[in-house]
Each structure stands twice: as C-alpha cells, then as structure tokens.
C-alpha atoms as a PDB file:
ATOM      1  CA  MET A   1      -4.376 122.856   1.688  1.00  0.00           C
ATOM      2  CA  LYS A   2      -2.074 120.447   3.703  1.00  0.00           C
ATOM      3  CA  TYR A   3      -5.154 118.485   5.147  1.00  0.00           C
ATOM      4  CA  THR A   4      -7.250 118.229   2.020  1.00  0.00           C
ATOM      5  CA  PHE A   5      -6.624 115.304   1.132  1.00  0.00           C
ATOM      6  CA  PHE A   6      -7.570 113.240   4.654  1.00  0.00           C
ATOM      7  CA  TYR A   7     -10.256 115.841   5.246  1.00  0.00           C
ATOM      8  CA  ILE A   8     -12.295 114.302   1.601  1.00  0.00           C
ATOM      9  CA  SER A   9     -11.414 110.638   2.715  1.00  0.00           C
ATOM     10  CA  LEU A  10     -12.898 110.769   5.850  1.00  0.00           C
ATOM     11  CA  LEU A  11     -15.982 112.554   4.403  1.00  0.00           C
ATOM     12  CA  PHE A  12     -16.494 109.084   2.683  1.00  0.00           C
ATOM     13  CA  LEU A  13     -14.915 106.697   4.978  1.00  0.00           C
ATOM     14  CA  CYS A  14     -17.297 107.946   7.550  1.00  0.00           C
ATOM     15  CA  ALA A  15     -20.284 108.128   4.568  1.00  0.00           C
ATOM     16  CA  CYS A  16     -19.689 104.005   4.623  1.00  0.00           C
ATOM     17  CA  GLY A  17     -20.609 103.845   8.230  1.00  0.00           C
ATOM     18  CA  THR A  18     -19.933  99.988   7.926  1.00  0.00           C
ATOM     19  CA  SER A  19     -18.919  97.899  10.958  1.00  0.00           C
ATOM     20  CA  LYS A  20     -15.441  96.340  11.588  1.00  0.00           C
ATOM     21  CA  THR A  21     -14.177  92.998  13.295  1.00  0.00           C
ATOM     22  CA  ILE A  22     -11.228  92.448  15.366  1.00  0.00           C
ATOM     23  CA  VAL A  23      -9.234  89.595  14.662  1.00  0.00           C
ATOM     24  CA  ASP A  24      -7.430  88.042  16.849  1.00  0.00           C
ATOM     25  CA  LYS A  25      -3.357  87.074  16.545  1.00  0.00           C
ATOM     26  CA  PRO A  26      -1.492  86.972  19.768  1.00  0.00           C
ATOM     27  CA  ILE A  27       1.814  87.938  19.929  1.00  0.00           C
ATOM     28  CA  THR A  28       4.080  85.438  22.316  1.00  0.00           C
ATOM     29  CA  PHE A  29       3.196  86.357  25.772  1.00  0.00           C
ATOM     30  CA  ASN A  30       4.462  84.128  28.599  1.00  0.00           C
ATOM     31  CA  ASP A  31       5.485  83.656  32.025  1.00  0.00           C
ATOM     32  CA  GLU A  32       9.083  85.459  30.886  1.00  0.00           C
ATOM     33  CA  ARG A  33       7.349  88.068  29.127  1.00  0.00           C
ATOM     34  CA  ILE A  34       4.480  88.813  32.163  1.00  0.00           C
ATOM     35  CA  GLU A  35       7.481  89.002  35.021  1.00  0.00           C
ATOM     36  CA  LEU A  36       9.228  91.654  32.182  1.00  0.00           C
ATOM     37  CA  THR A  37       6.577  93.580  31.995  1.00  0.00           C
ATOM     38  CA  LYS A  38       6.249  93.637  35.763  1.00  0.00           C
ATOM     39  CA  GLU A  39       9.749  94.037  36.095  1.00  0.00           C
ATOM     40  CA  TYR A  40       9.106  97.282  33.657  1.00  0.00           C
ATOM     41  CA  LEU A  41       6.156  98.953  35.527  1.00  0.00           C
ATOM     42  CA  ALA A  42       7.451  98.623  39.078  1.00  0.00           C
ATOM     43  CA  SER A  43      11.536 100.042  37.880  1.00  0.00           C
ATOM     44  CA  ARG A  44       9.798 102.441  35.159  1.00  0.00           C
ATOM     45  CA  TYR A  45       6.761 103.432  37.022  1.00  0.00           C
ATOM     46  CA  GLY A  46       7.348 102.615  40.914  1.00  0.00           C
ATOM     47  CA  LEU A  47       4.193 100.221  40.616  1.00  0.00           C
ATOM     48  CA  GLU A  48       4.713  96.988  41.942  1.00  0.00           C
ATOM     49  CA  GLN A  49       1.289  94.662  40.843  1.00  0.00           C
ATOM     50  CA  ASP A  50       1.023  91.213  41.290  1.00  0.00           C
ATOM     51  CA  GLU A  51      -0.334  91.126  37.409  1.00  0.00           C
ATOM     52  CA  PRO A  52       0.684  93.253  34.243  1.00  0.00           C
ATOM     53  CA  THR A  53      -2.819  95.309  33.678  1.00  0.00           C
ATOM     54  CA  ILE A  54      -3.637  98.839  33.235  1.00  0.00           C
ATOM     55  CA  VAL A  55      -6.416 101.045  33.333  1.00  0.00           C
ATOM     56  CA  PRO A  56      -6.670 102.337  30.312  1.00  0.00           C
ATOM     57  CA  LYS A  57      -6.863 106.412  30.100  1.00  0.00           C
ATOM     58  CA  MET A  58      -5.146 107.175  26.498  1.00  0.00           C
ATOM     59  CA  ILE A  59      -5.445 105.913  23.439  1.00  0.00           C
ATOM     60  CA  VAL A  60      -1.664 106.263  21.595  1.00  0.00           C
ATOM     61  CA  LEU A  61      -1.451 105.823  17.497  1.00  0.00           C
ATOM     62  CA  HIS A  62       1.524 104.453  15.794  1.00  0.00           C
ATOM     63  CA  TRP A  63       3.339 103.546  12.641  1.00  0.00           C
ATOM     64  CA  THR A  64       5.412 100.691  12.676  1.00  0.00           C
ATOM     65  CA  ALA A  65       7.898 102.098   9.609  1.00  0.00           C
ATOM     66  CA  ILE A  66       7.759  98.973   8.516  1.00  0.00           C
ATOM     67  CA  PRO A  67       5.806  98.156   4.729  1.00  0.00           C
ATOM     68  CA  THR A  68       4.526  94.764   5.625  1.00  0.00           C
ATOM     69  CA  LEU A  69       2.315  92.949   8.307  1.00  0.00           C
ATOM     70  CA  GLU A  70       4.342  89.742   8.942  1.00  0.00           C
ATOM     71  CA  LYS A  71       6.954  91.863   9.270  1.00  0.00           C
ATOM     72  CA  SER A  72       5.308  94.359  11.494  1.00  0.00           C
ATOM     73  CA  PHE A  73       3.997  91.431  13.807  1.00  0.00           C
ATOM     74  CA  ASN A  74       7.052  90.078  13.505  1.00  0.00           C
ATOM     75  CA  ALA A  75       8.654  92.972  15.395  1.00  0.00           C
ATOM     76  CA  PHE A  76       6.415  92.295  18.250  1.00  0.00           C
ATOM     77  CA  TYR A  77       6.043  88.997  18.509  1.00  0.00           C
ATOM     78  CA  ALA A  78       9.354  87.255  20.396  1.00  0.00           C
ATOM     79  CA  THR A  79       9.376  88.464  23.746  1.00  0.00           C
ATOM     80  CA  THR A  80      13.124  90.226  24.549  1.00  0.00           C
ATOM     81  CA  LEU A  81      13.926  92.686  22.862  1.00  0.00           C
ATOM     82  CA  PRO A  82      16.145  91.871  19.276  1.00  0.00           C
ATOM     83  CA  SER A  83      19.015  94.658  18.364  1.00  0.00           C
ATOM     84  CA  ARG A  84      17.430  98.146  20.306  1.00  0.00           C
ATOM     85  CA  PRO A  85      20.580  99.962  22.081  1.00  0.00           C
ATOM     86  CA  ASP A  86      18.639 103.308  22.162  1.00  0.00           C
ATOM     87  CA  LEU A  87      16.138 101.020  24.581  1.00  0.00           C
ATOM     88  CA  VAL A  88      17.589  98.155  26.195  1.00  0.00           C
ATOM     89  CA  ASN A  89      19.368  99.713  28.924  1.00  0.00           C
ATOM     90  CA  ALA A  90      15.647 100.629  29.987  1.00  0.00           C
ATOM     91  CA  SER A  91      14.355  96.964  30.101  1.00  0.00           C
ATOM     92  CA  ASN A  92      14.976  93.711  27.728  1.00  0.00           C
ATOM     93  CA  LEU A  93      11.720  93.671  27.058  1.00  0.00           C
ATOM     94  CA  ASN A  94      10.479  93.637  23.819  1.00  0.00           C
ATOM     95  CA  VAL A  95       7.911  96.556  22.297  1.00  0.00           C
ATOM     96  CA  SER A  96       4.384  95.520  21.502  1.00  0.00           C
ATOM     97  CA  SER A  97       1.129  97.375  21.353  1.00  0.00           C
ATOM     98  CA  GLN A  98      -2.315  96.106  21.798  1.00  0.00           C
ATOM     99  CA  PHE A  99      -3.407  96.517  18.245  1.00  0.00           C
ATOM    100  CA  LEU A 100      -1.985  96.386  14.974  1.00  0.00           C
ATOM    101  CA  VAL A 101      -3.863  97.815  11.775  1.00  0.00           C
ATOM    102  CA  ASP A 102      -2.721  96.542   8.531  1.00  0.00           C
ATOM    103  CA  LEU A 103      -2.728  98.366   5.317  1.00  0.00           C
ATOM    104  CA  ASP A 104      -5.758  97.250   4.127  1.00  0.00           C
ATOM    105  CA  GLY A 105      -7.182  98.369   7.082  1.00  0.00           C
ATOM    106  CA  THR A 106      -7.722  94.903   8.884  1.00  0.00           C
ATOM    107  CA  ILE A 107      -7.439  95.293  12.425  1.00  0.00           C
ATOM    108  CA  TYR A 108      -5.449  92.667  14.879  1.00  0.00           C
ATOM    109  CA  ARG A 109      -5.384  91.998  18.296  1.00  0.00           C
ATOM    110  CA  LEU A 110      -1.721  91.501  19.171  1.00  0.00           C
ATOM    111  CA  MET A 111      -2.457  91.041  23.291  1.00  0.00           C
ATOM    112  CA  PRO A 112      -5.147  91.475  25.838  1.00  0.00           C
ATOM    113  CA  GLU A 113      -6.454  95.106  25.750  1.00  0.00           C
ATOM    114  CA  THR A 114      -5.934  96.212  29.319  1.00  0.00           C
ATOM    115  CA  THR A 115      -1.872  93.874  29.839  1.00  0.00           C
ATOM    116  CA  MET A 116       0.626  96.211  29.570  1.00  0.00           C
ATOM    117  CA  ALA A 117       2.191  96.968  26.088  1.00  0.00           C
ATOM    118  CA  ARG A 118       5.824  98.579  25.712  1.00  0.00           C
ATOM    119  CA  HIS A 119       5.022 101.253  23.556  1.00  0.00           C
ATOM    120  CA  VAL A 120       5.568 104.721  24.846  1.00  0.00           C
ATOM    121  CA  ILE A 121       7.949 106.311  26.888  1.00  0.00           C
ATOM    122  CA  GLY A 122       6.452 106.961  30.483  1.00  0.00           C
ATOM    123  CA  LEU A 123       2.862 106.284  29.477  1.00  0.00           C
ATOM    124  CA  ASN A 124       2.585 102.303  29.103  1.00  0.00           C
ATOM    125  CA  HIS A 125       0.882 101.810  32.214  1.00  0.00           C
ATOM    126  CA  THR A 126      -2.040 103.731  31.343  1.00  0.00           C
ATOM    127  CA  ALA A 127      -1.896 104.108  27.389  1.00  0.00           C
ATOM    128  CA  ILE A 128      -3.640 101.672  25.101  1.00  0.00           C
ATOM    129  CA  GLY A 129      -0.963 101.463  21.396  1.00  0.00           C
ATOM    130  CA  VAL A 130      -2.169 101.301  18.118  1.00  0.00           C
ATOM    131  CA  GLU A 131       0.354 100.923  15.587  1.00  0.00           C
ATOM    132  CA  ASN A 132       0.282 101.164  12.146  1.00  0.00           C
ATOM    133  CA  VAL A 133       1.508  99.025   9.497  1.00  0.00           C
ATOM    134  CA  GLY A 134       3.606 101.617   7.024  1.00  0.00           C
ATOM    135  CA  GLY A 135       4.963 105.341   7.233  1.00  0.00           C
ATOM    136  CA  THR A 136       7.667 104.508   4.575  1.00  0.00           C
ATOM    137  CA  GLU A 137       7.964 106.076   2.072  1.00  0.00           C
ATOM    138  CA  GLY A 138       6.692 103.132  -0.056  1.00  0.00           C
ATOM    139  CA  ALA A 139       4.064 102.139   2.247  1.00  0.00           C
ATOM    140  CA  PRO A 140       2.615 105.520   3.369  1.00  0.00           C
ATOM    141  CA  LEU A 141      -0.354 105.312   5.461  1.00  0.00           C
ATOM    142  CA  THR A 142      -3.818 104.227   3.838  1.00  0.00           C
ATOM    143  CA  LYS A 143      -7.045 105.631   3.731  1.00  0.00           C
ATOM    144  CA  ALA A 144      -8.306 102.261   5.307  1.00  0.00           C
ATOM    145  CA  GLN A 145      -6.306 102.847   8.401  1.00  0.00           C
ATOM    146  CA  ILE A 146      -7.697 106.152   9.141  1.00  0.00           C
ATOM    147  CA  LYS A 147     -11.496 104.576   8.804  1.00  0.00           C
ATOM    148  CA  SER A 148     -10.224 101.578  11.183  1.00  0.00           C
ATOM    149  CA  ASN A 149      -8.026 103.738  13.507  1.00  0.00           C
ATOM    150  CA  ILE A 150     -11.314 105.831  14.025  1.00  0.00           C
ATOM    151  CA  TRP A 151     -13.564 102.552  14.551  1.00  0.00           C
ATOM    152  CA  LEU A 152     -11.105 101.323  17.274  1.00  0.00           C
ATOM    153  CA  VAL A 153     -10.643 104.562  19.236  1.00  0.00           C
ATOM    154  CA  LYS A 154     -14.984 104.221  19.109  1.00  0.00           C
ATOM    155  CA  TYR A 155     -14.500 101.069  19.816  1.00  0.00           C
ATOM    156  CA  LEU A 156     -12.120 101.685  22.727  1.00  0.00           C
ATOM    157  CA  SER A 157     -13.591 104.974  24.631  1.00  0.00           C
ATOM    158  CA  GLU A 158     -17.508 102.859  24.595  1.00  0.00           C
ATOM    159  CA  LYS A 159     -15.176 100.207  26.811  1.00  0.00           C
ATOM    160  CA  TYR A 160     -12.839 101.773  29.246  1.00  0.00           C
ATOM    161  CA  PRO A 161     -12.239 105.737  30.574  1.00  0.00           C
ATOM    162  CA  ILE A 162     -10.391 107.093  27.638  1.00  0.00           C
ATOM    163  CA  GLU A 163      -9.535 110.754  28.150  1.00  0.00           C
ATOM    164  CA  TYR A 164      -7.098 111.573  25.775  1.00  0.00           C
ATOM    165  CA  LEU A 165      -5.892 110.487  22.336  1.00  0.00           C
ATOM    166  CA  ILE A 166      -2.566 111.392  21.202  1.00  0.00           C
ATOM    167  CA  GLY A 167       0.044 110.705  18.519  1.00  0.00           C
ATOM    168  CA  HIS A 168       3.361 108.765  19.240  1.00  0.00           C
ATOM    169  CA  TYR A 169       5.708 112.521  18.167  1.00  0.00           C
ATOM    170  CA  GLU A 170       3.503 114.161  21.097  1.00  0.00           C
ATOM    171  CA  TYR A 171       4.485 111.571  24.025  1.00  0.00           C
ATOM    172  CA  THR A 172       6.579 114.099  25.627  1.00  0.00           C
ATOM    173  CA  ASN A 173       4.330 116.522  26.247  1.00  0.00           C
ATOM    174  CA  PHE A 174       2.833 114.776  29.296  1.00  0.00           C
ATOM    175  CA  GLU A 175       6.379 115.191  30.801  1.00  0.00           C
ATOM    176  CA  GLY A 176       4.964 116.593  34.457  1.00  0.00           C
ATOM    177  CA  HIS A 177       1.632 115.718  34.017  1.00  0.00           C
ATOM    178  CA  GLU A 178      -0.010 113.539  36.926  1.00  0.00           C
ATOM    179  CA  LEU A 179       0.154 110.645  33.769  1.00  0.00           C
ATOM    180  CA  TRP A 180       3.902 110.902  33.578  1.00  0.00           C
ATOM    181  CA  LEU A 181       5.882 107.954  35.194  1.00  0.00           C
ATOM    182  CA  GLU A 182       9.023 106.906  33.507  1.00  0.00           C
ATOM    183  CA  VAL A 183      11.505 107.906  36.827  1.00  0.00           C
ATOM    184  CA  ASP A 184      14.711 108.592  34.043  1.00  0.00           C
ATOM    185  CA  GLU A 185      15.165 111.832  33.266  1.00  0.00           C
ATOM    186  CA  GLY A 186      17.350 111.165  30.089  1.00  0.00           C
ATOM    187  CA  TYR A 187      15.066 108.380  29.004  1.00  0.00           C
ATOM    188  CA  ARG A 188      13.721 109.633  25.491  1.00  0.00           C
ATOM    189  CA  THR A 189      13.611 108.766  22.099  1.00  0.00           C
ATOM    190  CA  GLN A 190      12.270 111.089  19.117  1.00  0.00           C
ATOM    191  CA  LYS A 191       9.290 110.191  17.726  1.00  0.00           C
ATOM    192  CA  THR A 192       7.111 111.721  14.331  1.00  0.00           C
ATOM    193  CA  ASP A 193       4.329 108.711  14.230  1.00  0.00           C
ATOM    194  CA  PRO A 194       1.957 108.524  13.230  1.00  0.00           C
ATOM    195  CA  GLY A 195       2.237 111.961  10.831  1.00  0.00           C
ATOM    196  CA  GLU A 196       0.263 114.772  11.791  1.00  0.00           C
ATOM    197  CA  ASP A 197      -2.357 114.729   9.084  1.00  0.00           C
ATOM    198  CA  PHE A 198      -2.988 111.134   9.795  1.00  0.00           C
ATOM    199  CA  MET A 199      -3.576 112.383  13.880  1.00  0.00           C
ATOM    200  CA  GLU A 200      -5.869 115.137  12.266  1.00  0.00           C
ATOM    201  CA  ALA A 201      -7.871 112.904  10.241  1.00  0.00           C
ATOM    202  CA  VAL A 202      -8.315 110.203  13.096  1.00  0.00           C
ATOM    203  CA  LYS A 203      -8.992 112.912  15.617  1.00  0.00           C
ATOM    204  CA  LYS A 204     -11.816 114.634  13.271  1.00  0.00           C
ATOM    205  CA  GLY A 205     -13.127 111.401  12.606  1.00  0.00           C
ATOM    206  CA  THR A 206     -13.601 110.816  16.683  1.00  0.00           C
ATOM    207  CA  ARG A 207     -14.500 114.598  17.606  1.00  0.00           C
ATOM    208  CA  LYS A 208     -17.868 113.768  18.888  1.00  0.00           C
ATOM    209  CA  LEU A 209     -16.251 111.544  21.586  1.00  0.00           C
ATOM    210  CA  ASN A 210     -14.676 114.657  23.101  1.00  0.00           C
ATOM    211  CA  LEU A 211     -11.407 113.288  24.081  1.00  0.00           C
ATOM    212  CA  LYS A 212      -8.788 114.915  24.505  1.00  0.00           C
ATOM    213  CA  SER A 213      -5.481 115.758  22.777  1.00  0.00           C
ATOM    214  CA  ALA A 214      -1.485 115.920  24.521  1.00  0.00           C
ATOM    215  CA  PRO A 215      -1.290 119.414  26.545  1.00  0.00           C
ATOM    216  CA  ALA A 216       0.931 122.272  25.270  1.00  0.00           C
ATOM    217  CA  LYS A 217       4.783 121.437  25.583  1.00  0.00           C
ATOM    218  CA  ASN A 218       6.921 122.498  28.637  1.00  0.00           C
ATOM    219  CA  ILE A 219       9.267 124.716  27.297  1.00  0.00           C
END
C-alpha cells in the first residue's frame, strides 16, 4: 500500500517514546525585519499591530527542498528576500519559519513561536511553520523527521489553541475560510510540500489531538 512504509515506521517511532529537546538557532530578527513583518501584516491582511505577534491556531508542515541544514538555515537567515520574483512583489520580507527540523530529527527554533513568520500565503497571521530539511530526490524526508514533527505538534498543541494541522500543499483550501486574510486574489504559488505520505504519517501519530485537516477545496 502507498503508506505502508510510513505506517510501519510510525509504529516503531511511537513505541520509542523518547523525549525531545529544542535547540535555539535564531535567524536575524532585527528592527528592519520587525518593521517589514508589521508592514506585511498590514498590507496583506489588514492587521495594524504594534508588535508582529500571532495567536497560533494552525501548524503548517513544509520541506525546504534544500539538502542540508546550514543551506536551509541560510535561506531564512537574512532579513530581506533574495531573488524570489514570485514573492518579492508582495513584500521584500524574507521567508522564514518558527522551526526547522534536520534530517536527523534535531529540532531548531529559528524565532519566537508567536512572532509572525512568512511561510504560507494567506495564513501567516495564525500559523506556526515547521520546515523540514530536504524533500529532494537526493535528500528525502526521514523517519527521524516524522518522529520529531509528531513530537513538535504535540508540544505546540499543549501550549497554544491549535485547531488545524496541514501540509503546505493544502493552504489554498482555506480560501473563503474565516482564517484566510490574503487581500490579493492573484497572489498564489503552487506547493507540494511536505508530501502526502509525510503528512499522513504525522497526522496518524497525532490523531489523539483531534486536530482538523484543511477544509475541502472549493471548486
């Protein structure tokens, strides 16, 4: 079956039950990035805020499509967006994510959990992003990352009023939903991360949390 490998791996990983730790590895979040984030909230979502904070109701899982930790980290580190014509017209704020999970399962916190990161169109104002190193043919996502994503979803759900767990490829299903705030109907990108198999495994490992999936796509 399609998901057999992930399900068998998941049963093994859940049986291990080992505790995890989070390693702080901060990206640049200086005054310029704070101002750009506040501008993003105002211009994309109509949210005028004194601080670029969020109330997390959603966790969005990603892959970086970059094969190493350091190269993935460097993609988020700078304040402004490097050469991304598909994104720069919306804002010069660099992409980022609250968490980055390495191929070996190590969890890195890149920025405060309740500060807005730019990782998912339309939903950044309410979503915590979890990036996973890899997702390429030469560096596929790993069993260790599945385990760490399951642990991290549980950890975040205990701290915040999380309602939804989705993959990045599902984000446009929220168009028309009360959480969707993107003002530009033409600002969308096509996504496949972190893959359906990976999402199915993480959702299975967190099913007792009763988190909602993305709504059905409006056609």
